[in-house]
Protein backbone atom coordinates (compact mmCIF):
# COMPACT_ATOMS: atom_id res chain seq x y z
CA MET A 1 50.87 261.87 -143.35
CA ASN A 2 54.01 261.63 -140.78
CA GLU A 3 57.13 262.59 -142.37
CA LYS A 4 58.42 259.21 -141.79
CA SER A 5 58.22 256.63 -144.51
CA PHE A 6 59.20 252.72 -144.68
CA SER A 7 60.05 250.73 -147.44
CA SER A 8 59.59 247.04 -148.37
CA GLY A 9 62.32 245.36 -145.76
CA ASP A 10 61.89 248.00 -143.04
CA VAL A 11 61.55 246.75 -139.64
CA ILE A 12 59.63 248.34 -136.71
CA ARG A 13 60.38 247.44 -133.12
CA ILE A 14 58.14 248.82 -130.15
CA ILE A 15 59.00 248.01 -126.68
CA ILE A 16 56.42 248.13 -123.72
CA ASP A 17 58.21 247.76 -120.35
CA ASN A 18 57.27 248.82 -117.18
CA ASN A 19 59.65 252.49 -117.95
CA THR A 20 56.51 252.99 -120.87
CA ILE A 21 53.77 251.80 -118.17
CA LYS A 22 55.11 254.43 -116.23
CA LYS A 23 55.77 257.35 -118.53
CA TYR A 24 52.02 256.65 -119.80
CA ASN A 25 50.55 257.07 -116.43
CA GLU A 26 52.26 259.86 -115.44
CA HIS A 27 50.97 261.44 -118.67
CA TYR A 28 47.14 259.87 -117.75
CA PHE A 29 47.07 261.11 -113.75
CA ASN A 30 48.21 264.90 -115.82
CA LYS A 31 45.57 264.39 -118.34
CA TYR A 32 42.77 262.98 -115.19
CA PRO A 33 44.05 264.07 -111.73
CA ARG A 34 40.84 262.66 -110.17
CA ARG A 35 41.29 259.52 -111.24
CA THR A 36 43.50 257.26 -108.94
CA LYS A 37 43.72 253.90 -110.55
CA ALA A 38 46.30 253.69 -113.33
CA PRO A 39 44.63 252.06 -116.69
CA ILE A 40 47.78 250.28 -117.78
CA GLY A 41 49.14 248.28 -115.03
CA SER A 42 51.55 245.42 -116.90
CA PRO A 43 53.55 246.02 -120.26
CA ILE A 44 51.68 242.42 -121.65
CA HIS A 45 48.39 242.24 -122.73
CA PRO A 46 45.92 240.95 -120.78
CA SER A 47 45.33 236.86 -121.66
CA ILE A 48 42.02 235.77 -123.60
CA ASN A 49 41.48 234.07 -120.71
CA VAL A 50 41.32 237.62 -118.53
CA TRP A 51 38.92 239.32 -121.22
CA PHE A 52 36.63 236.31 -122.52
CA ILE A 53 34.96 236.41 -119.37
CA MET A 54 34.00 239.32 -118.47
CA ARG A 55 30.57 241.13 -118.76
CA ARG A 56 30.50 243.21 -122.39
CA PRO A 57 31.09 247.09 -120.47
CA GLU A 58 34.29 245.81 -118.57
CA MET A 59 35.44 244.11 -121.98
CA ASN A 60 34.85 247.30 -123.79
CA ASN A 61 36.92 249.27 -120.60
CA LEU A 62 39.80 247.37 -121.54
CA LYS A 63 39.54 247.40 -124.86
CA CYS A 64 39.64 251.30 -124.83
CA ARG A 65 42.11 251.56 -121.99
CA TRP A 66 44.55 249.77 -124.12
CA LYS A 67 43.59 251.15 -127.60
CA ASP A 68 44.08 254.75 -126.01
CA PHE A 69 47.71 253.79 -124.47
CA ILE A 70 48.68 252.17 -127.57
CA VAL A 71 47.37 255.62 -129.51
CA TRP A 72 49.49 257.22 -127.16
CA LEU A 73 52.68 255.29 -127.56
CA ILE A 74 52.55 255.54 -131.08
CA GLU A 75 52.06 259.52 -131.18
CA ASP A 76 55.01 259.85 -128.45
CA ILE A 77 57.68 258.03 -130.19
CA GLY A 78 57.00 259.61 -133.57
CA LEU A 79 54.98 256.78 -136.13
CA SER A 80 51.47 258.47 -136.26
CA ASN A 81 49.71 258.34 -139.11
CA ILE A 82 52.64 256.40 -141.23
CA GLY A 83 49.74 254.37 -142.84
CA ILE A 84 51.60 251.01 -143.64
CA GLU A 85 49.95 248.77 -146.49
CA SER A 86 51.18 245.74 -146.02
CA CYS A 87 52.70 243.81 -143.46
CA THR A 88 53.81 240.98 -141.22
CA MET A 89 54.16 241.49 -137.01
CA LYS A 90 55.62 239.32 -133.99
CA PHE A 91 54.74 239.66 -130.77
CA VAL A 92 57.04 238.60 -128.14
CA SER A 93 55.87 238.67 -124.39
CA TYR A 94 58.66 238.60 -121.83
CA TYR A 95 57.15 237.72 -118.07
CA PRO A 96 58.42 238.24 -115.17
CA THR A 97 57.88 234.20 -113.48
CA ARG A 98 58.47 230.83 -115.50
CA ARG A 99 54.25 230.12 -115.16
CA ARG A 100 53.35 228.06 -117.39
CA VAL A 101 51.54 230.55 -120.40
CA ASP A 102 49.43 228.91 -123.41
CA VAL A 103 50.36 231.21 -126.27
CA ASP A 104 47.01 231.15 -128.19
CA ASN A 105 45.67 233.24 -125.44
CA VAL A 106 47.94 236.01 -125.87
CA ALA A 107 46.43 237.61 -128.76
CA PRO A 108 47.14 241.03 -128.57
CA LYS A 109 44.00 242.25 -129.97
CA PHE A 110 43.48 245.59 -128.14
CA ILE A 111 47.34 246.12 -129.52
CA ILE A 112 46.74 245.83 -133.11
CA ASP A 113 43.26 247.48 -133.08
CA GLY A 114 45.43 250.48 -131.33
CA LEU A 115 47.85 250.41 -133.90
CA VAL A 116 45.37 250.93 -136.94
CA ASP A 117 43.73 254.16 -134.61
CA ALA A 118 47.08 255.26 -134.36
CA GLY A 119 47.23 255.18 -138.01
CA LEU A 120 50.74 253.31 -138.14
CA ILE A 121 49.26 250.24 -140.00
CA VAL A 122 46.20 250.80 -142.56
CA ASP A 123 43.89 247.84 -141.19
CA ASP A 124 44.08 244.67 -139.37
CA SER A 125 42.29 243.35 -142.15
CA TYR A 126 44.30 240.32 -144.26
CA LYS A 127 44.92 242.23 -147.21
CA HIS A 128 47.10 244.70 -144.22
CA LEU A 129 48.36 242.21 -141.90
CA LYS A 130 49.49 239.27 -143.57
CA SER A 131 50.63 237.20 -140.92
CA LEU A 132 50.47 237.36 -137.03
CA THR A 133 53.21 235.43 -134.87
CA LEU A 134 53.03 235.19 -131.09
CA GLN A 135 55.97 234.31 -129.09
CA CYS A 136 56.28 233.83 -125.21
CA ASP A 137 59.33 233.89 -123.01
CA TYR A 138 60.83 234.74 -119.64
CA ASP A 139 62.78 237.61 -118.46
CA LYS A 140 62.49 238.25 -114.46
CA ASN A 141 64.17 241.41 -114.57
CA ASN A 142 62.21 243.29 -117.86
CA PRO A 143 59.02 241.81 -118.35
CA ARG A 144 57.81 243.30 -121.67
CA THR A 145 56.18 243.12 -125.22
CA GLU A 146 58.28 243.42 -128.05
CA ILE A 147 55.96 244.31 -131.68
CA PHE A 148 58.14 243.44 -134.12
CA ILE A 149 56.37 245.55 -137.68
CA PHE A 150 58.13 243.70 -140.73
CA VAL A 151 56.84 246.24 -143.50
CA GLU A 152 55.84 244.17 -147.11
């Protein structure tokens, strides 16, 4: 286990912004110097409308890219293998435009799968992840995703 531990009532805040994406993509291209396409292009999880219409191999590729990114992020900020047993989560996606977004289409499945793979949370079943709140907002200058994990 990681030397960090969290108690009931603690809140973990994780921010995915353009700087985070840039740092990850630099890491990625150092690891895979022959590749030319960045694996993660936006700090906002892809909409269900995007990945639901993909063919299965494309969807799996997208899921793997996001999962690898989240595992790297959790390791980078020193939160891997914490093993939170029970929590609730809130995801706030800040979009760079005021374009209409359906909140129910921003379900952060790939991010949550990465949090499990990184060992931050034990599992994403109802026994461990008690509730999930999704929120969308606008921030032209700093599009990002903020993740709040409320430890129970």
